Amino acid sequence: MKKVSFRSKPAGLSARLSPDEWINDKNAGQPMKRLTIDVPLDLHKRIKSQCAEKGTKMADAVRELLEKQFPEESASVPIDATPNANPA
């Protein structure tokens, strides 16, 4: 039987946090929810290689695209589009 040894956890902050706490801590305390999607292999390769070239994380790139596609309700309504109390 093959023996596998494990190193001890690093003493940094991430070692003291649960995985959920670590994710939330990385995003300024904003609650996060994991989203798992299936994408074609060639799309995954393109995303991964382009993110590597730019030095960005795949998750950050996908998150940015989702934010653009699905803006907050208040962000998508212009301020001057408030309904007029006295319609003409």
C-alpha atoms as a PDB file:
ATOM      1  CA  MET A   1       0.000   0.000   0.000  1.00  0.00           C
ATOM      2  CA  LYS A   2       1.290   3.437  -0.959  1.00  0.00           C
ATOM      3  CA  LYS A   3       1.769   5.908   1.879  1.00  0.00           C
ATOM      4  CA  VAL A   4       0.829   9.536   1.368  1.00  0.00           C
ATOM      5  CA  SER A   5       2.089  12.239   3.692  1.00  0.00           C
ATOM      6  CA  PHE A   6       0.389  15.553   4.247  1.00  0.00           C
ATOM      7  CA  ARG A   7       2.037  18.776   5.246  1.00  0.00           C
ATOM      8  CA  SER A   8       0.616  20.807   8.095  1.00  0.00           C
ATOM      9  CA  LYS A   9      -1.613  23.753   7.289  1.00  0.00           C
ATOM     10  CA  PRO A  10       0.057  27.141   6.917  1.00  0.00           C
ATOM     11  CA  ALA A  11      -0.179  29.404   9.933  1.00  0.00           C
ATOM     12  CA  GLY A  12      -1.757  32.244   7.929  1.00  0.00           C
ATOM     13  CA  LEU A  13      -5.293  33.617   8.153  1.00  0.00           C
ATOM     14  CA  SER A  14      -6.716  31.080   5.707  1.00  0.00           C
ATOM     15  CA  ALA A  15      -5.630  28.260   8.020  1.00  0.00           C
ATOM     16  CA  ARG A  16      -7.830  29.682  10.792  1.00  0.00           C
ATOM     17  CA  LEU A  17     -10.948  30.072   8.651  1.00  0.00           C
ATOM     18  CA  SER A  18     -13.446  27.571   7.308  1.00  0.00           C
ATOM     19  CA  PRO A  19     -13.745  27.446   3.491  1.00  0.00           C
ATOM     20  CA  ASP A  20     -16.940  29.525   3.602  1.00  0.00           C
ATOM     21  CA  GLU A  21     -15.351  32.112   5.895  1.00  0.00           C
ATOM     22  CA  TRP A  22     -12.258  32.239   3.650  1.00  0.00           C
ATOM     23  CA  ILE A  23     -14.382  32.970   0.550  1.00  0.00           C
ATOM     24  CA  ASN A  24     -16.361  35.652   2.358  1.00  0.00           C
ATOM     25  CA  ASP A  25     -13.176  37.207   3.764  1.00  0.00           C
ATOM     26  CA  LYS A  26     -11.679  37.488   0.262  1.00  0.00           C
ATOM     27  CA  ASN A  27     -14.734  39.468  -0.892  1.00  0.00           C
ATOM     28  CA  ALA A  28     -14.821  42.168   1.780  1.00  0.00           C
ATOM     29  CA  GLY A  29     -17.312  40.296   3.931  1.00  0.00           C
ATOM     30  CA  GLN A  30     -19.962  40.237   1.220  1.00  0.00           C
ATOM     31  CA  PRO A  31     -21.794  36.896   1.421  1.00  0.00           C
ATOM     32  CA  MET A  32     -20.899  34.642  -1.489  1.00  0.00           C
ATOM     33  CA  LYS A  33     -22.706  31.709  -3.052  1.00  0.00           C
ATOM     34  CA  ARG A  34     -20.991  29.096  -5.199  1.00  0.00           C
ATOM     35  CA  LEU A  35     -22.258  28.730  -8.791  1.00  0.00           C
ATOM     36  CA  THR A  36     -21.235  25.661 -10.765  1.00  0.00           C
ATOM     37  CA  ILE A  37     -21.722  25.589 -14.534  1.00  0.00           C
ATOM     38  CA  ASP A  38     -20.700  23.256 -17.330  1.00  0.00           C
ATOM     39  CA  VAL A  39     -18.963  24.816 -20.329  1.00  0.00           C
ATOM     40  CA  PRO A  40     -17.523  23.234 -23.469  1.00  0.00           C
ATOM     41  CA  LEU A  41     -13.864  22.222 -23.178  1.00  0.00           C
ATOM     42  CA  ASP A  42     -12.713  24.656 -25.879  1.00  0.00           C
ATOM     43  CA  LEU A  43     -14.450  27.589 -24.132  1.00  0.00           C
ATOM     44  CA  HIS A  44     -12.861  26.612 -20.824  1.00  0.00           C
ATOM     45  CA  LYS A  45      -9.425  26.530 -22.473  1.00  0.00           C
ATOM     46  CA  ARG A  46      -9.959  29.983 -24.019  1.00  0.00           C
ATOM     47  CA  ILE A  47     -11.090  31.489 -20.724  1.00  0.00           C
ATOM     48  CA  LYS A  48      -8.219  29.908 -18.820  1.00  0.00           C
ATOM     49  CA  SER A  49      -5.501  30.916 -21.286  1.00  0.00           C
ATOM     50  CA  GLN A  50      -6.727  34.493 -21.692  1.00  0.00           C
ATOM     51  CA  CYS A  51      -7.035  34.933 -17.931  1.00  0.00           C
ATOM     52  CA  ALA A  52      -3.502  33.575 -17.513  1.00  0.00           C
ATOM     53  CA  GLU A  53      -2.205  36.050 -20.108  1.00  0.00           C
ATOM     54  CA  LYS A  54      -3.920  38.925 -18.275  1.00  0.00           C
ATOM     55  CA  GLY A  55      -2.925  37.660 -14.838  1.00  0.00           C
ATOM     56  CA  THR A  56      -6.528  37.455 -13.661  1.00  0.00           C
ATOM     57  CA  LYS A  57      -8.471  34.646 -12.052  1.00  0.00           C
ATOM     58  CA  MET A  58     -11.139  32.854 -14.051  1.00  0.00           C
ATOM     59  CA  ALA A  59     -13.672  33.384 -11.257  1.00  0.00           C
ATOM     60  CA  ASP A  60     -13.044  37.146 -11.287  1.00  0.00           C
ATOM     61  CA  ALA A  61     -13.497  37.328 -15.068  1.00  0.00           C
ATOM     62  CA  VAL A  62     -16.749  35.356 -14.976  1.00  0.00           C
ATOM     63  CA  ARG A  63     -17.993  37.394 -12.007  1.00  0.00           C
ATOM     64  CA  GLU A  64     -17.300  40.615 -13.946  1.00  0.00           C
ATOM     65  CA  LEU A  65     -19.254  39.348 -16.968  1.00  0.00           C
ATOM     66  CA  LEU A  66     -22.179  38.337 -14.760  1.00  0.00           C
ATOM     67  CA  GLU A  67     -22.195  41.759 -13.080  1.00  0.00           C
ATOM     68  CA  LYS A  68     -22.376  43.456 -16.497  1.00  0.00           C
ATOM     69  CA  GLN A  69     -25.140  41.144 -17.737  1.00  0.00           C
ATOM     70  CA  PHE A  70     -27.177  41.302 -14.521  1.00  0.00           C
ATOM     71  CA  PRO A  71     -26.780  44.777 -12.955  1.00  0.00           C
ATOM     72  CA  GLU A  72     -28.502  45.634  -9.689  1.00  0.00           C
ATOM     73  CA  GLU A  73     -32.027  46.950 -10.213  1.00  0.00           C
ATOM     74  CA  SER A  74     -31.171  50.385  -8.828  1.00  0.00           C
ATOM     75  CA  ALA A  75     -28.101  50.635 -11.086  1.00  0.00           C
ATOM     76  CA  SER A  76     -30.108  49.995 -14.270  1.00  0.00           C
ATOM     77  CA  VAL A  77     -32.687  52.785 -13.700  1.00  0.00           C
ATOM     78  CA  PRO A  78     -31.497  56.333 -14.460  1.00  0.00           C
ATOM     79  CA  ILE A  79     -31.913  58.775 -11.558  1.00  0.00           C
ATOM     80  CA  ASP A  80     -33.984  61.198 -13.670  1.00  0.00           C
ATOM     81  CA  ALA A  81     -36.447  58.413 -14.614  1.00  0.00           C
ATOM     82  CA  THR A  82     -38.450  58.949 -11.407  1.00  0.00           C
ATOM     83  CA  PRO A  83     -42.197  58.805 -12.160  1.00  0.00           C
ATOM     84  CA  ASN A  84     -43.801  62.234 -12.335  1.00  0.00           C
ATOM     85  CA  ALA A  85     -46.388  62.803  -9.593  1.00  0.00           C
ATOM     86  CA  ASN A  86     -48.384  65.149 -11.880  1.00  0.00           C
ATOM     87  CA  PRO A  87     -48.600  63.498 -15.313  1.00  0.00           C
ATOM     88  CA  ALA A  88     -49.507  65.863 -18.138  1.00  0.00           C
END
